[in-house]
């Protein structure tokens, strides 16, 4: 969120950030970076992206659980910022 000033970025914007810079962002490690890159890589014209077939259900569930945990962390951070931002404004 910080990289994009609180707004949802485009795929091009996500792809424009270097790996080294992504790895400095909290909760972004090599595995998450690899997933980001795979989602941001354009598919050549006429090629249909392959679905996640062939990946065992257990691995898909594990990925889903990890992404849900990361989402919950982000939601918590956003809520904390709104809460702390609101209290500092009211003190002015």
Protein backbone atom coordinates (compact mmCIF):
# COMPACT_ATOMS: atom_id res chain seq x y z
CA UNK A 1 0.00 0.00 0.00
CA UNK A 2 2.83 2.40 0.80
CA UNK A 3 4.46 1.85 -2.58
CA UNK A 4 1.23 2.90 -4.29
CA UNK A 5 0.09 5.65 -1.92
CA UNK A 6 -2.86 3.63 -0.57
CA UNK A 7 -4.41 2.72 -3.91
CA UNK A 8 -4.68 -0.52 -5.87
CA UNK A 9 -1.81 -0.69 -8.38
CA UNK A 10 -1.98 -1.85 -11.97
CA UNK A 11 -0.12 -4.98 -13.02
CA UNK A 12 2.36 -2.77 -14.86
CA UNK A 13 3.05 -0.80 -11.67
CA UNK A 14 3.61 -3.98 -9.66
CA UNK A 15 5.95 -5.29 -12.36
CA UNK A 16 7.93 -2.03 -12.43
CA UNK A 17 9.19 -2.44 -8.85
CA UNK A 18 12.54 -4.23 -8.61
CA UNK A 19 12.91 -7.52 -6.77
CA UNK A 20 15.36 -5.89 -4.35
CA UNK A 21 12.80 -3.20 -3.50
CA UNK A 22 9.97 -5.75 -3.06
CA UNK A 23 12.12 -7.75 -0.66
CA UNK A 24 12.36 -4.73 1.65
CA UNK A 25 8.56 -4.65 2.06
CA UNK A 26 7.29 -6.35 5.25
CA UNK A 27 5.79 -9.81 4.67
CA UNK A 28 7.26 -10.07 1.14
CA UNK A 29 9.77 -12.87 0.87
CA UNK A 30 11.14 -14.89 -2.03
CA UNK A 31 8.03 -17.10 -2.31
CA UNK A 32 5.57 -14.21 -2.30
CA UNK A 33 7.79 -12.29 -4.72
CA UNK A 34 7.82 -15.27 -7.07
CA UNK A 35 4.01 -15.38 -6.95
CA UNK A 36 3.80 -11.63 -7.59
CA UNK A 37 6.11 -11.96 -10.58
CA UNK A 38 4.15 -14.90 -12.00
CA UNK A 39 0.91 -12.88 -11.77
CA UNK A 40 2.48 -9.74 -13.25
CA UNK A 41 4.21 -11.46 -16.17
CA UNK A 42 2.31 -10.81 -19.39
CA UNK A 43 1.09 -13.83 -21.33
CA UNK A 44 2.25 -13.85 -24.98
CA UNK A 45 -0.50 -13.03 -27.51
CA UNK A 46 -2.75 -15.93 -28.31
CA UNK A 47 -1.50 -18.04 -25.41
CA UNK A 48 -3.98 -19.08 -22.78
CA UNK A 49 -2.59 -19.04 -19.24
CA UNK A 50 -2.58 -22.51 -17.79
CA UNK A 51 -4.83 -23.07 -14.80
CA UNK A 52 -3.45 -24.33 -11.51
CA UNK A 53 -4.14 -27.92 -12.52
CA UNK A 54 -1.55 -30.45 -11.59
CA UNK A 55 -0.92 -28.77 -8.24
CA UNK A 56 -1.99 -31.06 -5.41
CA UNK A 57 -5.03 -29.92 -3.43
CA UNK A 58 -2.98 -29.82 -0.24
CA UNK A 59 -0.51 -27.37 -1.77
CA UNK A 60 -3.34 -25.19 -3.12
CA UNK A 61 -4.98 -25.15 0.31
CA UNK A 62 -1.65 -24.30 1.92
CA UNK A 63 -1.17 -21.38 -0.48
CA UNK A 64 -4.72 -20.21 0.14
CA UNK A 65 -4.21 -20.31 3.91
CA UNK A 66 -0.96 -18.35 3.64
CA UNK A 67 -2.57 -15.72 1.42
CA UNK A 68 -5.50 -15.43 3.83
CA UNK A 69 -3.08 -14.92 6.74
CA UNK A 70 -1.21 -12.25 4.77
CA UNK A 71 -4.50 -10.56 3.88
CA UNK A 72 -5.56 -10.57 7.54
CA UNK A 73 -2.21 -9.00 8.51
CA UNK A 74 -2.69 -6.28 5.91
CA UNK A 75 -6.27 -5.62 7.02
CA UNK A 76 -5.04 -5.34 10.62
CA UNK A 77 -2.31 -2.89 9.60
CA UNK A 78 -4.79 -0.77 7.63
CA UNK A 79 -7.25 -0.71 10.52
CA UNK A 80 -4.46 0.25 12.93
CA UNK A 81 -3.40 3.12 10.67
CA UNK A 82 -6.96 4.40 10.41
CA UNK A 83 -7.40 4.13 14.16
CA UNK A 84 -4.13 5.87 15.01
CA UNK A 85 -4.64 8.42 12.22
CA UNK A 86 -8.08 9.32 13.52
CA UNK A 87 -6.92 9.80 17.10
CA UNK A 88 -3.99 12.05 16.11
CA UNK A 89 -6.32 14.25 14.05
CA UNK A 90 -8.75 14.71 16.92
CA UNK A 91 -5.92 15.85 19.21
CA UNK A 92 -5.00 18.78 16.92
